Amino acid sequence: MGSSLGEATKMAYRNLLKAVKKHLGKEERNNHFTEFISQEFRNSLQQSSDLSSIQHKLKLARDYTLLLNSVHHQKDLLFSYNIAVDRSDEMKKVLGKSAASVGLKLPEVYQP
């Protein structure tokens, strides 16, 4: 295995493990993910001498890393924009403040 292929393998392995630990957690109940990844990398390197097969598996590892990071980034964006959150309570507060600013009070229906 060439030096650049070895470096690419190490980088793909590290990045995938880092993404799994960051997004799925380091708890013992999630150890099977990291164990599976480690075993797959070991098996792939031992069993495959075909360069194109190794490159395909490295691309697959990079794609999984990108998918994990992207899914969790999207989830964070949804929460930051309050898209995935029930906003009815927030709207009641805004309406209450608006009404209070002009000296009015919301009807009983909107009171907590």
PDB file of N, CA and C in Angstrom:
ATOM      1  N   MET A   1       0.853  -1.173   0.000  1.00  0.00           N
ATOM      2  CA  MET A   1       0.000   0.000   0.000  1.00  0.00           C
ATOM      3  C   MET A   1       0.895   1.230   0.000  1.00  0.00           C
ATOM      4  N   GLY A   2       0.603   2.170  -0.873  1.00  0.00           N
ATOM      5  CA  GLY A   2       1.409   3.373  -0.995  1.00  0.00           C
ATOM      6  C   GLY A   2       1.245   4.291   0.197  1.00  0.00           C
ATOM      7  N   SER A   3       2.188   5.203   0.341  1.00  0.00           N
ATOM      8  CA  SER A   3       2.170   6.138   1.463  1.00  0.00           C
ATOM      9  C   SER A   3       0.927   7.030   1.431  1.00  0.00           C
ATOM     10  N   SER A   4       0.587   7.541   0.244  1.00  0.00           N
ATOM     11  CA  SER A   4      -0.580   8.417   0.163  1.00  0.00           C
ATOM     12  C   SER A   4      -1.868   7.650   0.418  1.00  0.00           C
ATOM     13  N   LEU A   5      -1.936   6.392  -0.012  1.00  0.00           N
ATOM     14  CA  LEU A   5      -3.106   5.565   0.256  1.00  0.00           C
ATOM     15  C   LEU A   5      -3.198   5.255   1.746  1.00  0.00           C
ATOM     16  N   GLY A   6      -2.056   5.035   2.367  1.00  0.00           N
ATOM     17  CA  GLY A   6      -2.030   4.784   3.811  1.00  0.00           C
ATOM     18  C   GLY A   6      -2.499   5.996   4.595  1.00  0.00           C
ATOM     19  N   GLU A   7      -2.066   7.174   4.177  1.00  0.00           N
ATOM     20  CA  GLU A   7      -2.505   8.410   4.829  1.00  0.00           C
ATOM     21  C   GLU A   7      -3.996   8.648   4.607  1.00  0.00           C
ATOM     22  N   ALA A   8      -4.466   8.366   3.395  1.00  0.00           N
ATOM     23  CA  ALA A   8      -5.897   8.537   3.100  1.00  0.00           C
ATOM     24  C   ALA A   8      -6.729   7.582   3.943  1.00  0.00           C
ATOM     25  N   THR A   9      -6.220   6.374   4.133  1.00  0.00           N
ATOM     26  CA  THR A   9      -6.926   5.387   4.950  1.00  0.00           C
ATOM     27  C   THR A   9      -6.997   5.843   6.399  1.00  0.00           C
ATOM     28  N   LYS A  10      -5.878   6.304   6.932  1.00  0.00           N
ATOM     29  CA  LYS A  10      -5.857   6.793   8.317  1.00  0.00           C
ATOM     30  C   LYS A  10      -6.804   7.970   8.503  1.00  0.00           C
ATOM     31  N   MET A  11      -6.797   8.888   7.538  1.00  0.00           N
ATOM     32  CA  MET A  11      -7.637  10.071   7.646  1.00  0.00           C
ATOM     33  C   MET A  11      -9.120   9.685   7.583  1.00  0.00           C
ATOM     34  N   ALA A  12      -9.474   8.805   6.661  1.00  0.00           N
ATOM     35  CA  ALA A  12     -10.871   8.375   6.534  1.00  0.00           C
ATOM     36  C   ALA A  12     -11.320   7.659   7.799  1.00  0.00           C
ATOM     37  N   TYR A  13     -10.465   6.806   8.338  1.00  0.00           N
ATOM     38  CA  TYR A  13     -10.768   6.061   9.563  1.00  0.00           C
ATOM     39  C   TYR A  13     -10.963   7.007  10.751  1.00  0.00           C
ATOM     40  N   ARG A  14     -10.041   7.929  10.927  1.00  0.00           N
ATOM     41  CA  ARG A  14     -10.125   8.881  12.044  1.00  0.00           C
ATOM     42  C   ARG A  14     -11.357   9.770  11.934  1.00  0.00           C
ATOM     43  N   ASN A  15     -11.608  10.291  10.746  1.00  0.00           N
ATOM     44  CA  ASN A  15     -12.750  11.182  10.562  1.00  0.00           C
ATOM     45  C   ASN A  15     -14.073  10.460  10.804  1.00  0.00           C
ATOM     46  N   LEU A  16     -14.171   9.218  10.351  1.00  0.00           N
ATOM     47  CA  LEU A  16     -15.398   8.454  10.555  1.00  0.00           C
ATOM     48  C   LEU A  16     -15.602   8.158  12.037  1.00  0.00           C
ATOM     49  N   LEU A  17     -14.546   7.742  12.722  1.00  0.00           N
ATOM     50  CA  LEU A  17     -14.667   7.484  14.166  1.00  0.00           C
ATOM     51  C   LEU A  17     -15.014   8.760  14.928  1.00  0.00           C
ATOM     52  N   LYS A  18     -14.411   9.870  14.547  1.00  0.00           N
ATOM     53  CA  LYS A  18     -14.692  11.149  15.205  1.00  0.00           C
ATOM     54  C   LYS A  18     -16.160  11.541  15.019  1.00  0.00           C
ATOM     55  N   ALA A  19     -16.685  11.368  13.813  1.00  0.00           N
ATOM     56  CA  ALA A  19     -18.085  11.706  13.539  1.00  0.00           C
ATOM     57  C   ALA A  19     -19.022  10.809  14.331  1.00  0.00           C
ATOM     58  N   VAL A  20     -18.704   9.521  14.397  1.00  0.00           N
ATOM     59  CA  VAL A  20     -19.550   8.587  15.160  1.00  0.00           C
ATOM     60  C   VAL A  20     -19.546   8.958  16.633  1.00  0.00           C
ATOM     61  N   LYS A  21     -18.377   9.221  17.183  1.00  0.00           N
ATOM     62  CA  LYS A  21     -18.298   9.564  18.610  1.00  0.00           C
ATOM     63  C   LYS A  21     -18.982  10.894  18.903  1.00  0.00           C
ATOM     64  N   LYS A  22     -18.858  11.844  17.999  1.00  0.00           N
ATOM     65  CA  LYS A  22     -19.453  13.156  18.221  1.00  0.00           C
ATOM     66  C   LYS A  22     -20.975  13.110  18.139  1.00  0.00           C
ATOM     67  N   HIS A  23     -21.498  12.413  17.150  1.00  0.00           N
ATOM     68  CA  HIS A  23     -22.934  12.460  16.898  1.00  0.00           C
ATOM     69  C   HIS A  23     -23.714  11.315  17.531  1.00  0.00           C
ATOM     70  N   LEU A  24     -23.073  10.200  17.765  1.00  0.00           N
ATOM     71  CA  LEU A  24     -23.778   9.071  18.373  1.00  0.00           C
ATOM     72  C   LEU A  24     -23.405   8.878  19.831  1.00  0.00           C
ATOM     73  N   GLY A  25     -22.371   9.541  20.272  1.00  0.00           N
ATOM     74  CA  GLY A  25     -21.966   9.471  21.667  1.00  0.00           C
ATOM     75  C   GLY A  25     -20.893   8.434  21.912  1.00  0.00           C
ATOM     76  N   LYS A  26     -20.261   8.579  23.059  1.00  0.00           N
ATOM     77  CA  LYS A  26     -19.167   7.678  23.431  1.00  0.00           C
ATOM     78  C   LYS A  26     -19.616   6.614  24.431  1.00  0.00           C
ATOM     79  N   GLU A  27     -20.925   6.580  24.704  1.00  0.00           N
ATOM     80  CA  GLU A  27     -21.436   5.649  25.702  1.00  0.00           C
ATOM     81  C   GLU A  27     -21.163   4.209  25.288  1.00  0.00           C
ATOM     82  N   GLU A  28     -21.140   3.362  26.288  1.00  0.00           N
ATOM     83  CA  GLU A  28     -20.857   1.945  26.047  1.00  0.00           C
ATOM     84  C   GLU A  28     -21.906   1.306  25.143  1.00  0.00           C
ATOM     85  N   ARG A  29     -23.127   1.790  25.220  1.00  0.00           N
ATOM     86  CA  ARG A  29     -24.189   1.203  24.388  1.00  0.00           C
ATOM     87  C   ARG A  29     -23.974   1.481  22.910  1.00  0.00           C
ATOM     88  N   ASN A  30     -23.103   2.418  22.567  1.00  0.00           N
ATOM     89  CA  ASN A  30     -22.812   2.735  21.171  1.00  0.00           C
ATOM     90  C   ASN A  30     -21.469   2.170  20.708  1.00  0.00           C
ATOM     91  N   ASN A  31     -20.839   1.357  21.537  1.00  0.00           N
ATOM     92  CA  ASN A  31     -19.533   0.795  21.173  1.00  0.00           C
ATOM     93  C   ASN A  31     -19.595  -0.079  19.934  1.00  0.00           C
ATOM     94  N   HIS A  32     -20.747  -0.672  19.669  1.00  0.00           N
ATOM     95  CA  HIS A  32     -20.827  -1.564  18.516  1.00  0.00           C
ATOM     96  C   HIS A  32     -20.582  -0.825  17.198  1.00  0.00           C
ATOM     97  N   PHE A  33     -20.866   0.480  17.156  1.00  0.00           N
ATOM     98  CA  PHE A  33     -20.594   1.250  15.939  1.00  0.00           C
ATOM     99  C   PHE A  33     -19.088   1.361  15.703  1.00  0.00           C
ATOM    100  N   THR A  34     -18.361   1.763  16.730  1.00  0.00           N
ATOM    101  CA  THR A  34     -16.914   1.917  16.571  1.00  0.00           C
ATOM    102  C   THR A  34     -16.235   0.565  16.363  1.00  0.00           C
ATOM    103  N   GLU A  35     -16.726  -0.466  17.022  1.00  0.00           N
ATOM    104  CA  GLU A  35     -16.154  -1.802  16.824  1.00  0.00           C
ATOM    105  C   GLU A  35     -16.379  -2.279  15.393  1.00  0.00           C
ATOM    106  N   PHE A  36     -17.569  -2.041  14.863  1.00  0.00           N
ATOM    107  CA  PHE A  36     -17.870  -2.434  13.486  1.00  0.00           C
ATOM    108  C   PHE A  36     -16.957  -1.707  12.507  1.00  0.00           C
ATOM    109  N   ILE A  37     -16.781  -0.405  12.711  1.00  0.00           N
ATOM    110  CA  ILE A  37     -15.926   0.382  11.817  1.00  0.00           C
ATOM    111  C   ILE A  37     -14.493  -0.135  11.867  1.00  0.00           C
ATOM    112  N   SER A  38     -13.985  -0.363  13.066  1.00  0.00           N
ATOM    113  CA  SER A  38     -12.614  -0.862  13.213  1.00  0.00           C
ATOM    114  C   SER A  38     -12.445  -2.205  12.519  1.00  0.00           C
ATOM    115  N   GLN A  39     -13.406  -3.088  12.724  1.00  0.00           N
ATOM    116  CA  GLN A  39     -13.338  -4.420  12.122  1.00  0.00           C
ATOM    117  C   GLN A  39     -13.401  -4.339  10.595  1.00  0.00           C
ATOM    118  N   GLU A  40     -14.276  -3.488  10.078  1.00  0.00           N
ATOM    119  CA  GLU A  40     -14.387  -3.335   8.619  1.00  0.00           C
ATOM    120  C   GLU A  40     -13.092  -2.805   8.010  1.00  0.00           C
ATOM    121  N   PHE A  41     -12.465  -1.842   8.672  1.00  0.00           N
ATOM    122  CA  PHE A  41     -11.208  -1.313   8.145  1.00  0.00           C
ATOM    123  C   PHE A  41     -10.127  -2.380   8.178  1.00  0.00           C
ATOM    124  N   ARG A  42     -10.055  -3.133   9.272  1.00  0.00           N
ATOM    125  CA  ARG A  42      -9.065  -4.214   9.357  1.00  0.00           C
ATOM    126  C   ARG A  42      -9.300  -5.261   8.273  1.00  0.00           C
ATOM    127  N   ASN A  43     -10.538  -5.698   8.139  1.00  0.00           N
ATOM    128  CA  ASN A  43     -10.863  -6.722   7.141  1.00  0.00           C
ATOM    129  C   ASN A  43     -10.573  -6.245   5.731  1.00  0.00           C
ATOM    130  N   SER A  44     -10.936  -5.013   5.442  1.00  0.00           N
ATOM    131  CA  SER A  44     -10.736  -4.477   4.094  1.00  0.00           C
ATOM    132  C   SER A  44      -9.267  -4.411   3.730  1.00  0.00           C
ATOM    133  N   LEU A  45      -8.458  -4.002   4.676  1.00  0.00           N
ATOM    134  CA  LEU A  45      -7.030  -3.875   4.395  1.00  0.00           C
ATOM    135  C   LEU A  45      -6.351  -5.232   4.290  1.00  0.00           C
ATOM    136  N   GLN A  46      -6.806  -6.204   5.054  1.00  0.00           N
ATOM    137  CA  GLN A  46      -6.188  -7.528   5.030  1.00  0.00           C
ATOM    138  C   GLN A  46      -6.629  -8.339   3.819  1.00  0.00           C
ATOM    139  N   GLN A  47      -7.901  -8.226   3.450  1.00  0.00           N
ATOM    140  CA  GLN A  47      -8.453  -9.087   2.412  1.00  0.00           C
ATOM    141  C   GLN A  47      -8.318  -8.515   1.016  1.00  0.00           C
ATOM    142  N   SER A  48      -8.223  -7.228   0.892  1.00  0.00           N
ATOM    143  CA  SER A  48      -8.275  -6.616  -0.429  1.00  0.00           C
ATOM    144  C   SER A  48      -6.902  -6.125  -0.864  1.00  0.00           C
ATOM    145  N   SER A  49      -6.451  -6.631  -1.981  1.00  0.00           N
ATOM    146  CA  SER A  49      -5.201  -6.133  -2.549  1.00  0.00           C
ATOM    147  C   SER A  49      -5.480  -5.315  -3.798  1.00  0.00           C
ATOM    148  N   ASP A  50      -6.739  -5.278  -4.212  1.00  0.00           N
ATOM    149  CA  ASP A  50      -7.157  -4.515  -5.388  1.00  0.00           C
ATOM    150  C   ASP A  50      -7.249  -3.037  -5.029  1.00  0.00           C
ATOM    151  N   LEU A  51      -6.484  -2.219  -5.697  1.00  0.00           N
ATOM    152  CA  LEU A  51      -6.424  -0.786  -5.407  1.00  0.00           C
ATOM    153  C   LEU A  51      -7.778  -0.114  -5.597  1.00  0.00           C
ATOM    154  N   SER A  52      -8.499  -0.463  -6.650  1.00  0.00           N
ATOM    155  CA  SER A  52      -9.790   0.182  -6.896  1.00  0.00           C
ATOM    156  C   SER A  52     -10.803  -0.197  -5.814  1.00  0.00           C
ATOM    157  N   SER A  53     -10.727  -1.406  -5.299  1.00  0.00           N
ATOM    158  CA  SER A  53     -11.627  -1.832  -4.225  1.00  0.00           C
ATOM    159  C   SER A  53     -11.346  -1.051  -2.943  1.00  0.00           C
ATOM    160  N   ILE A  54     -10.082  -0.868  -2.639  1.00  0.00           N
ATOM    161  CA  ILE A  54      -9.699  -0.105  -1.447  1.00  0.00           C
ATOM    162  C   ILE A  54     -10.155   1.347  -1.589  1.00  0.00           C
ATOM    163  N   GLN A  55      -9.944   1.927  -2.762  1.00  0.00           N
ATOM    164  CA  GLN A  55     -10.352   3.310  -2.989  1.00  0.00           C
ATOM    165  C   GLN A  55     -11.867   3.461  -2.899  1.00  0.00           C
ATOM    166  N   HIS A  56     -12.593   2.467  -3.399  1.00  0.00           N
ATOM    167  CA  HIS A  56     -14.058   2.498  -3.307  1.00  0.00           C
ATOM    168  C   HIS A  56     -14.503   2.462  -1.844  1.00  0.00           C
ATOM    169  N   LYS A  57     -13.874   1.623  -1.044  1.00  0.00           N
ATOM    170  CA  LYS A  57     -14.245   1.517   0.375  1.00  0.00           C
ATOM    171  C   LYS A  57     -13.869   2.789   1.136  1.00  0.00           C
ATOM    172  N   LEU A  58     -12.774   3.411   0.773  1.00  0.00           N
ATOM    173  CA  LEU A  58     -12.391   4.680   1.400  1.00  0.00           C
ATOM    174  C   LEU A  58     -13.391   5.773   1.041  1.00  0.00           C
ATOM    175  N   LYS A  59     -13.842   5.783  -0.206  1.00  0.00           N
ATOM    176  CA  LYS A  59     -14.855   6.755  -0.619  1.00  0.00           C
ATOM    177  C   LYS A  59     -16.145   6.517   0.155  1.00  0.00           C
ATOM    178  N   LEU A  60     -16.503   5.272   0.345  1.00  0.00           N
ATOM    179  CA  LEU A  60     -17.699   4.933   1.109  1.00  0.00           C
ATOM    180  C   LEU A  60     -17.567   5.432   2.555  1.00  0.00           C
ATOM    181  N   ALA A  61     -16.406   5.269   3.152  1.00  0.00           N
ATOM    182  CA  ALA A  61     -16.179   5.751   4.518  1.00  0.00           C
ATOM    183  C   ALA A  61     -16.287   7.276   4.574  1.00  0.00           C
ATOM    184  N   ARG A  62     -15.711   7.963   3.596  1.00  0.00           N
ATOM    185  CA  ARG A  62     -15.811   9.426   3.560  1.00  0.00           C
ATOM    186  C   ARG A  62     -17.257   9.870   3.359  1.00  0.00           C
ATOM    187  N   ASP A  63     -17.994   9.134   2.520  1.00  0.00           N
ATOM    188  CA  ASP A  63     -19.405   9.470   2.286  1.00  0.00           C
ATOM    189  C   ASP A  63     -20.239   9.290   3.553  1.00  0.00           C
ATOM    190  N   TYR A  64     -19.996   8.210   4.295  1.00  0.00           N
ATOM    191  CA  TYR A  64     -20.708   8.004   5.554  1.00  0.00           C
ATOM    192  C   TYR A  64     -20.391   9.106   6.557  1.00  0.00           C
ATOM    193  N   THR A  65     -19.138   9.519   6.593  1.00  0.00           N
ATOM    194  CA  THR A  65     -18.733  10.607   7.487  1.00  0.00           C
ATOM    195  C   THR A  65     -19.470  11.886   7.121  1.00  0.00           C
ATOM    196  N   LEU A  66     -19.496  12.189   5.839  1.00  0.00           N
ATOM    197  CA  LEU A  66     -20.195  13.390   5.368  1.00  0.00           C
ATOM    198  C   LEU A  66     -21.688  13.303   5.685  1.00  0.00           C
ATOM    199  N   LEU A  67     -22.284  12.141   5.490  1.00  0.00           N
ATOM    200  CA  LEU A  67     -23.703  11.963   5.782  1.00  0.00           C
ATOM    201  C   LEU A  67     -23.995  12.196   7.258  1.00  0.00           C
ATOM    202  N   LEU A  68     -23.206  11.597   8.132  1.00  0.00           N
ATOM    203  CA  LEU A  68     -23.405  11.776   9.574  1.00  0.00           C
ATOM    204  C   LEU A  68     -23.303  13.238   9.963  1.00  0.00           C
ATOM    205  N   ASN A  69     -22.247  13.895   9.500  1.00  0.00           N
ATOM    206  CA  ASN A  69     -22.054  15.308   9.842  1.00  0.00           C
ATOM    207  C   ASN A  69     -23.164  16.178   9.265  1.00  0.00           C
ATOM    208  N   SER A  70     -23.594  15.894   8.052  1.00  0.00           N
ATOM    209  CA  SER A  70     -24.625  16.703   7.397  1.00  0.00           C
ATOM    210  C   SER A  70     -25.993  16.548   8.055  1.00  0.00           C
ATOM    211  N   VAL A  71     -26.348  15.332   8.399  1.00  0.00           N
ATOM    212  CA  VAL A  71     -27.640  15.095   9.043  1.00  0.00           C
ATOM    213  C   VAL A  71     -27.711  15.830  10.376  1.00  0.00           C
ATOM    214  N   HIS A  72     -26.644  15.769  11.140  1.00  0.00           N
ATOM    215  CA  HIS A  72     -26.667  16.442  12.438  1.00  0.00           C
ATOM    216  C   HIS A  72     -26.558  17.952  12.302  1.00  0.00           C
ATOM    217  N   HIS A  73     -25.885  18.419  11.276  1.00  0.00           N
ATOM    218  CA  HIS A  73     -25.838  19.858  11.024  1.00  0.00           C
ATOM    219  C   HIS A  73     -27.227  20.361  10.630  1.00  0.00           C
ATOM    220  N   GLN A  74     -27.928  19.604   9.796  1.00  0.00           N
ATOM    221  CA  GLN A  74     -29.280  19.990   9.399  1.00  0.00           C
ATOM    222  C   GLN A  74     -30.207  20.014  10.608  1.00  0.00           C
ATOM    223  N   LYS A  75     -30.094  19.033  11.486  1.00  0.00           N
ATOM    224  CA  LYS A  75     -30.918  18.998  12.691  1.00  0.00           C
ATOM    225  C   LYS A  75     -30.656  20.227  13.553  1.00  0.00           C
ATOM    226  N   ASP A  76     -29.401  20.585  13.702  1.00  0.00           N
ATOM    227  CA  ASP A  76     -29.060  21.776  14.476  1.00  0.00           C
ATOM    228  C   ASP A  76     -29.638  23.038  13.841  1.00  0.00           C
ATOM    229  N   LEU A  77     -29.584  23.113  12.516  1.00  0.00           N
ATOM    230  CA  LEU A  77     -30.158  24.271  11.829  1.00  0.00           C
ATOM    231  C   LEU A  77     -31.669  24.344  12.032  1.00  0.00           C
ATOM    232  N   LEU A  78     -32.352  23.214  11.939  1.00  0.00           N
ATOM    233  CA  LEU A  78     -33.798  23.202  12.141  1.00  0.00           C
ATOM    234  C   LEU A  78     -34.157  23.706  13.529  1.00  0.00           C
ATOM    235  N   PHE A  79     -33.419  23.262  14.539  1.00  0.00           N
ATOM    236  CA  PHE A  79     -33.692  23.728  15.894  1.00  0.00           C
ATOM    237  C   PHE A  79     -33.339  25.201  16.063  1.00  0.00           C
ATOM    238  N   SER A  80     -32.268  25.650  15.416  1.00  0.00           N
ATOM    239  CA  SER A  80     -31.883  27.056  15.566  1.00  0.00           C
ATOM    240  C   SER A  80     -32.899  27.986  14.912  1.00  0.00           C
ATOM    241  N   TYR A  81     -33.565  27.528  13.864  1.00  0.00           N
ATOM    242  CA  TYR A  81     -34.592  28.335  13.209  1.00  0.00           C
ATOM    243  C   TYR A  81     -35.983  28.047  13.759  1.00  0.00           C
ATOM    244  N   ASN A  82     -36.057  27.241  14.799  1.00  0.00           N
ATOM    245  CA  ASN A  82     -37.318  26.874  15.455  1.00  0.00           C
ATOM    246  C   ASN A  82     -38.311  26.212  14.510  1.00  0.00           C
ATOM    247  N   ILE A  83     -37.827  25.556  13.494  1.00  0.00           N
ATOM    248  CA  ILE A  83     -38.715  24.872  12.556  1.00  0.00           C
ATOM    249  C   ILE A  83     -39.261  23.589  13.182  1.00  0.00           C
ATOM    250  N   ALA A  84     -38.448  22.933  13.967  1.00  0.00           N
ATOM    251  CA  ALA A  84     -38.848  21.652  14.533  1.00  0.00           C
ATOM    252  C   ALA A  84     -39.441  21.800  15.930  1.00  0.00           C
ATOM    253  N   VAL A  85     -39.748  23.019  16.321  1.00  0.00           N
ATOM    254  CA  VAL A  85     -40.221  23.276  17.677  1.00  0.00           C
ATOM    255  C   VAL A  85     -41.632  23.845  17.615  1.00  0.00           C
ATOM    256  N   ASP A  86     -42.466  23.441  18.556  1.00  0.00           N
ATOM    257  CA  ASP A  86     -43.812  23.996  18.644  1.00  0.00           C
ATOM    258  C   ASP A  86     -43.699  25.445  19.099  1.00  0.00           C
ATOM    259  N   ARG A  87     -44.182  26.357  18.269  1.00  0.00           N
ATOM    260  CA  ARG A  87     -43.999  27.782  18.547  1.00  0.00           C
ATOM    261  C   ARG A  87     -45.245  28.444  19.115  1.00  0.00           C
ATOM    262  N   SER A  88     -46.270  27.694  19.461  1.00  0.00           N
ATOM    263  CA  SER A  88     -47.511  28.308  19.930  1.00  0.00           C
ATOM    264  C   SER A  88     -47.300  29.072  21.241  1.00  0.00           C
ATOM    265  N   ASP A  89     -46.510  28.536  22.165  1.00  0.00           N
ATOM    266  CA  ASP A  89     -46.241  29.242  23.417  1.00  0.00           C
ATOM    267  C   ASP A  89     -45.465  30.531  23.173  1.00  0.00           C
ATOM    268  N   GLU A  90     -44.511  30.456  22.263  1.00  0.00           N
ATOM    269  CA  GLU A  90     -43.725  31.642  21.926  1.00  0.00           C
ATOM    270  C   GLU A  90     -44.619  32.724  21.331  1.00  0.00           C
ATOM    271  N   MET A  91     -45.542  32.323  20.466  1.00  0.00           N
ATOM    272  CA  MET A  91     -46.452  33.286  19.847  1.00  0.00           C
ATOM    273  C   MET A  91     -47.386  33.906  20.886  1.00  0.00           C
ATOM    274  N   LYS A  92     -47.835  33.142  21.869  1.00  0.00           N
ATOM    275  CA  LYS A  92     -48.688  33.683  22.928  1.00  0.00           C
ATOM    276  C   LYS A  92     -47.948  34.753  23.716  1.00  0.00           C
ATOM    277  N   LYS A  93     -46.663  34.522  23.989  1.00  0.00           N
ATOM    278  CA  LYS A  93     -45.874  35.517  24.717  1.00  0.00           C
ATOM    279  C   LYS A  93     -45.729  36.797  23.903  1.00  0.00           C
ATOM    280  N   VAL A  94     -45.470  36.645  22.600  1.00  0.00           N
ATOM    281  CA  VAL A  94     -45.315  37.817  21.733  1.00  0.00           C
ATOM    282  C   VAL A  94     -46.625  38.601  21.680  1.00  0.00           C
ATOM    283  N   LEU A  95     -47.742  37.878  21.541  1.00  0.00           N
ATOM    284  CA  LEU A  95     -49.045  38.549  21.514  1.00  0.00           C
ATOM    285  C   LEU A  95     -49.327  39.253  22.841  1.00  0.00           C
ATOM    286  N   GLY A  96     -48.994  38.596  23.936  1.00  0.00           N
ATOM    287  CA  GLY A  96     -49.203  39.197  25.253  1.00  0.00           C
ATOM    288  C   GLY A  96     -48.391  40.461  25.437  1.00  0.00           C
ATOM    289  N   LYS A  97     -47.138  40.439  25.007  1.00  0.00           N
ATOM    290  CA  LYS A  97     -46.281  41.627  25.118  1.00  0.00           C
ATOM    291  C   LYS A  97     -46.788  42.750  24.229  1.00  0.00           C
ATOM    292  N   SER A  98     -47.226  42.382  23.030  1.00  0.00           N
ATOM    293  CA  SER A  98     -47.753  43.398  22.114  1.00  0.00           C
ATOM    294  C   SER A  98     -49.003  44.053  22.686  1.00  0.00           C
ATOM    295  N   ALA A  99     -49.883  43.236  23.225  1.00  0.00           N
ATOM    296  CA  ALA A  99     -51.118  43.772  23.814  1.00  0.00           C
ATOM    297  C   ALA A  99     -50.791  44.642  25.021  1.00  0.00           C
ATOM    298  N   ALA A 100     -49.877  44.203  25.877  1.00  0.00           N
ATOM    299  CA  ALA A 100     -49.509  44.962  27.069  1.00  0.00           C
ATOM    300  C   ALA A 100     -48.859  46.291  26.710  1.00  0.00           C
ATOM    301  N   SER A 101     -48.135  46.325  25.602  1.00  0.00           N
ATOM    302  CA  SER A 101     -47.443  47.565  25.231  1.00  0.00           C
ATOM    303  C   SER A 101     -48.414  48.685  24.865  1.00  0.00           C
ATOM    304  N   VAL A 102     -49.631  48.339  24.498  1.00  0.00           N
ATOM    305  CA  VAL A 102     -50.630  49.372  24.186  1.00  0.00           C
ATOM    306  C   VAL A 102     -51.716  49.434  25.261  1.00  0.00           C
ATOM    307  N   GLY A 103     -51.451  48.787  26.397  1.00  0.00           N
ATOM    308  CA  GLY A 103     -52.365  48.876  27.523  1.00  0.00           C
ATOM    309  C   GLY A 103     -53.544  47.920  27.477  1.00  0.00           C
ATOM    310  N   LEU A 104     -53.441  46.881  26.695  1.00  0.00           N
ATOM    311  CA  LEU A 104     -54.524  45.904  26.610  1.00  0.00           C
ATOM    312  C   LEU A 104     -54.108  44.585  27.248  1.00  0.00           C
ATOM    313  N   LYS A 105     -55.083  43.731  27.435  1.00  0.00           N
ATOM    314  CA  LYS A 105     -54.822  42.409  27.989  1.00  0.00           C
ATOM    315  C   LYS A 105     -55.458  41.384  27.062  1.00  0.00           C
ATOM    316  N   LEU A 106     -54.758  40.260  26.860  1.00  0.00           N
ATOM    317  CA  LEU A 106     -55.302  39.212  25.999  1.00  0.00           C
ATOM    318  C   LEU A 106     -56.551  38.598  26.605  1.00  0.00           C
ATOM    319  N   PRO A 107     -57.487  38.152  25.777  1.00  0.00           N
ATOM    320  CA  PRO A 107     -58.656  37.472  26.304  1.00  0.00           C
ATOM    321  C   PRO A 107     -58.289  36.205  27.069  1.00  0.00           C
ATOM    322  N   GLU A 108     -59.189  35.711  27.880  1.00  0.00           N
ATOM    323  CA  GLU A 108     -58.965  34.535  28.722  1.00  0.00           C
ATOM    324  C   GLU A 108     -58.467  33.323  27.908  1.00  0.00           C
ATOM    325  N   VAL A 109     -58.892  33.199  26.667  1.00  0.00           N
ATOM    326  CA  VAL A 109     -58.508  32.043  25.829  1.00  0.00           C
ATOM    327  C   VAL A 109     -57.008  31.952  25.698  1.00  0.00           C
ATOM    328  N   TYR A 110     -56.319  33.089  25.647  1.00  0.00           N
ATOM    329  CA  TYR A 110     -54.886  33.102  25.433  1.00  0.00           C
ATOM    330  C   TYR A 110     -54.077  33.137  26.721  1.00  0.00           C
ATOM    331  N   GLN A 111     -54.713  33.212  27.847  1.00  0.00           N
ATOM    332  CA  GLN A 111     -53.998  33.283  29.128  1.00  0.00           C
ATOM    333  C   GLN A 111     -53.478  31.904  29.489  1.00  0.00           C
ATOM    334  N   PRO A 112     -52.286  31.844  30.097  1.00  0.00           N
ATOM    335  CA  PRO A 112     -51.700  30.540  30.472  1.00  0.00           C
ATOM    336  C   PRO A 112     -52.492  29.861  31.580  1.00  0.00           C
TER     337      PRO A 112
END
